């Protein structure tokens, strides 16, 4: 019982870590893209927000699958 709880916690933690890295990379590349082409800032921001939401959705799947 305890091993299952620890394993689930590790899975959720790794999913959260991966999501955080993904969102950081998205933000970094979005800032770089806006720096290169300021005229496309609106389209870049939209794509960055959608991509960040999809990356963060992985954590919710991990939380729901553990229980």
N, C-alpha and C. Protein backbone atom coordinates (compact mmCIF):
# COMPACT_ATOMS: atom_id res chain seq x y z
N UNK A 1 0.83 -1.20 0.00
CA UNK A 1 0.00 0.00 0.00
C UNK A 1 0.87 1.26 0.00
N UNK A 2 1.88 1.27 0.85
CA UNK A 2 2.76 2.43 0.93
C UNK A 2 3.56 2.59 -0.35
N UNK A 3 4.00 1.45 -0.92
CA UNK A 3 4.79 1.52 -2.15
C UNK A 3 3.96 2.09 -3.30
N UNK A 4 2.68 1.76 -3.37
CA UNK A 4 1.82 2.30 -4.41
C UNK A 4 1.67 3.81 -4.26
N UNK A 5 1.54 4.29 -3.03
CA UNK A 5 1.42 5.73 -2.78
C UNK A 5 2.68 6.49 -3.15
N UNK A 6 3.83 5.89 -2.82
CA UNK A 6 5.09 6.54 -3.15
C UNK A 6 5.30 6.56 -4.67
N UNK A 7 4.98 5.46 -5.32
CA UNK A 7 5.13 5.39 -6.78
C UNK A 7 4.24 6.42 -7.46
N UNK A 8 3.00 6.55 -6.99
CA UNK A 8 2.09 7.54 -7.56
C UNK A 8 2.60 8.95 -7.36
N UNK A 9 3.15 9.21 -6.20
CA UNK A 9 3.69 10.54 -5.93
C UNK A 9 4.88 10.84 -6.83
N UNK A 10 5.69 9.84 -7.06
CA UNK A 10 6.85 10.03 -7.94
C UNK A 10 6.38 10.32 -9.36
N UNK A 11 5.37 9.60 -9.81
CA UNK A 11 4.86 9.84 -11.17
C UNK A 11 4.30 11.25 -11.32
N UNK A 12 3.55 11.69 -10.34
CA UNK A 12 2.98 13.04 -10.41
C UNK A 12 4.10 14.08 -10.34
N UNK A 13 5.09 13.84 -9.50
CA UNK A 13 6.22 14.78 -9.41
C UNK A 13 7.00 14.87 -10.70
N UNK A 14 7.24 13.73 -11.34
CA UNK A 14 7.95 13.75 -12.62
C UNK A 14 7.12 14.41 -13.71
N UNK A 15 5.81 14.20 -13.69
CA UNK A 15 4.95 14.87 -14.66
C UNK A 15 4.97 16.38 -14.45
N UNK A 16 4.95 16.81 -13.19
CA UNK A 16 5.01 18.25 -12.90
C UNK A 16 6.35 18.84 -13.31
N UNK A 17 7.42 18.10 -13.09
CA UNK A 17 8.75 18.57 -13.49
C UNK A 17 8.84 18.69 -15.01
N UNK A 18 8.35 17.70 -15.72
CA UNK A 18 8.36 17.75 -17.17
C UNK A 18 7.51 18.88 -17.72
N UNK A 19 6.37 19.10 -17.08
CA UNK A 19 5.50 20.19 -17.50
C UNK A 19 6.17 21.55 -17.27
N UNK A 20 6.84 21.68 -16.14
CA UNK A 20 7.52 22.95 -15.83
C UNK A 20 8.64 23.23 -16.84
N UNK A 21 9.37 22.19 -17.19
CA UNK A 21 10.43 22.36 -18.19
C UNK A 21 9.83 22.72 -19.55
N UNK A 22 8.73 22.07 -19.90
CA UNK A 22 8.07 22.36 -21.17
C UNK A 22 7.56 23.79 -21.25
N UNK A 23 6.92 24.26 -20.18
CA UNK A 23 6.41 25.63 -20.16
C UNK A 23 7.57 26.62 -20.20
N UNK A 24 8.67 26.32 -19.54
CA UNK A 24 9.84 27.21 -19.57
C UNK A 24 10.41 27.30 -20.98
N UNK A 25 10.51 26.17 -21.66
CA UNK A 25 11.01 26.20 -23.04
C UNK A 25 10.08 26.95 -23.97
N UNK A 26 8.78 26.77 -23.77
CA UNK A 26 7.81 27.50 -24.59
C UNK A 26 7.96 29.00 -24.37
N UNK A 27 8.06 29.42 -23.13
CA UNK A 27 8.23 30.84 -22.83
C UNK A 27 9.52 31.40 -23.39
N UNK A 28 10.60 30.62 -23.29
CA UNK A 28 11.89 31.07 -23.80
C UNK A 28 11.84 31.26 -25.32
N UNK A 29 11.28 30.29 -26.00
CA UNK A 29 11.23 30.37 -27.45
C UNK A 29 10.23 31.42 -27.93
N UNK A 30 9.15 31.63 -27.18
CA UNK A 30 8.19 32.69 -27.54
C UNK A 30 8.84 34.06 -27.41
N UNK A 31 9.59 34.27 -26.33
CA UNK A 31 10.27 35.55 -26.16
C UNK A 31 11.31 35.76 -27.25
N UNK A 32 12.00 34.70 -27.62
CA UNK A 32 12.98 34.79 -28.70
C UNK A 32 12.31 35.11 -30.04
N UNK A 33 11.16 34.48 -30.28
CA UNK A 33 10.45 34.73 -31.53
C UNK A 33 9.91 36.15 -31.61
N UNK A 34 9.41 36.67 -30.50
CA UNK A 34 8.91 38.06 -30.49
C UNK A 34 10.08 39.03 -30.68
N UNK A 35 11.23 38.69 -30.13
CA UNK A 35 12.41 39.54 -30.33
C UNK A 35 12.83 39.59 -31.78
N UNK A 36 12.67 38.49 -32.49
CA UNK A 36 13.04 38.45 -33.90
C UNK A 36 12.00 39.10 -34.80
N UNK A 37 10.71 38.97 -34.41
CA UNK A 37 9.64 39.50 -35.26
C UNK A 37 8.56 40.11 -34.37
N UNK A 38 8.74 41.36 -33.94
CA UNK A 38 7.77 41.98 -33.03
C UNK A 38 6.38 42.14 -33.64
N UNK A 39 6.27 42.18 -34.94
CA UNK A 39 4.98 42.34 -35.59
C UNK A 39 4.07 41.13 -35.42
N UNK A 40 4.64 39.98 -35.14
CA UNK A 40 3.86 38.76 -35.00
C UNK A 40 3.64 38.40 -33.53
N UNK A 41 3.76 39.38 -32.65
CA UNK A 41 3.67 39.10 -31.21
C UNK A 41 2.32 38.51 -30.82
N UNK A 42 1.24 38.97 -31.42
CA UNK A 42 -0.09 38.47 -31.07
C UNK A 42 -0.25 36.99 -31.42
N UNK A 43 0.16 36.62 -32.60
CA UNK A 43 0.06 35.21 -33.02
C UNK A 43 0.98 34.32 -32.19
N UNK A 44 2.17 34.81 -31.90
CA UNK A 44 3.12 34.04 -31.09
C UNK A 44 2.59 33.85 -29.69
N UNK A 45 2.02 34.90 -29.11
CA UNK A 45 1.47 34.82 -27.76
C UNK A 45 0.33 33.81 -27.70
N UNK A 46 -0.54 33.83 -28.70
CA UNK A 46 -1.65 32.88 -28.75
C UNK A 46 -1.15 31.44 -28.78
N UNK A 47 -0.19 31.18 -29.65
CA UNK A 47 0.36 29.83 -29.76
C UNK A 47 1.07 29.41 -28.48
N UNK A 48 1.76 30.34 -27.83
CA UNK A 48 2.47 30.03 -26.59
C UNK A 48 1.49 29.69 -25.47
N UNK A 49 0.39 30.42 -25.38
CA UNK A 49 -0.60 30.15 -24.34
C UNK A 49 -1.25 28.79 -24.56
N UNK A 50 -1.61 28.48 -25.79
CA UNK A 50 -2.22 27.18 -26.09
C UNK A 50 -1.24 26.05 -25.79
N UNK A 51 0.00 26.21 -26.20
CA UNK A 51 1.01 25.17 -25.96
C UNK A 51 1.28 24.99 -24.47
N UNK A 52 1.30 26.07 -23.71
CA UNK A 52 1.52 25.98 -22.27
C UNK A 52 0.36 25.26 -21.59
N UNK A 53 -0.85 25.54 -22.02
CA UNK A 53 -2.01 24.87 -21.44
C UNK A 53 -1.97 23.37 -21.73
N UNK A 54 -1.57 22.99 -22.93
CA UNK A 54 -1.46 21.57 -23.25
C UNK A 54 -0.36 20.89 -22.44
N UNK A 55 0.75 21.59 -22.24
CA UNK A 55 1.85 21.02 -21.44
C UNK A 55 1.43 20.86 -19.98
N UNK A 56 0.67 21.80 -19.44
CA UNK A 56 0.23 21.70 -18.06
C UNK A 56 -0.88 20.67 -17.89
N UNK A 57 -1.58 20.35 -18.96
CA UNK A 57 -2.63 19.34 -18.89
C UNK A 57 -2.09 17.96 -18.56
N UNK A 58 -0.83 17.73 -18.86
CA UNK A 58 -0.21 16.44 -18.55
C UNK A 58 -0.23 16.17 -17.05
N UNK A 59 -0.04 17.20 -16.26
CA UNK A 59 -0.04 17.02 -14.80
C UNK A 59 -1.42 16.60 -14.32
N UNK A 60 -2.47 17.17 -14.90
CA UNK A 60 -3.82 16.78 -14.48
C UNK A 60 -4.11 15.33 -14.84
N UNK A 61 -3.64 14.88 -16.00
CA UNK A 61 -3.80 13.47 -16.35
C UNK A 61 -3.07 12.59 -15.35
N UNK A 62 -1.87 12.98 -14.97
CA UNK A 62 -1.10 12.18 -14.02
C UNK A 62 -1.79 12.12 -12.67
N UNK A 63 -2.35 13.23 -12.22
CA UNK A 63 -3.05 13.26 -10.92
C UNK A 63 -4.27 12.36 -10.96
N UNK A 64 -5.04 12.43 -12.03
CA UNK A 64 -6.26 11.63 -12.10
C UNK A 64 -5.98 10.15 -12.28
N UNK A 65 -4.88 9.82 -12.95
CA UNK A 65 -4.55 8.42 -13.17
C UNK A 65 -3.98 7.75 -11.92
N UNK A 66 -3.43 8.53 -11.01
CA UNK A 66 -2.85 7.96 -9.79
C UNK A 66 -3.94 7.44 -8.87
N UNK A 67 -5.03 8.16 -8.78
CA UNK A 67 -6.09 7.78 -7.83
C UNK A 67 -7.00 6.73 -8.36
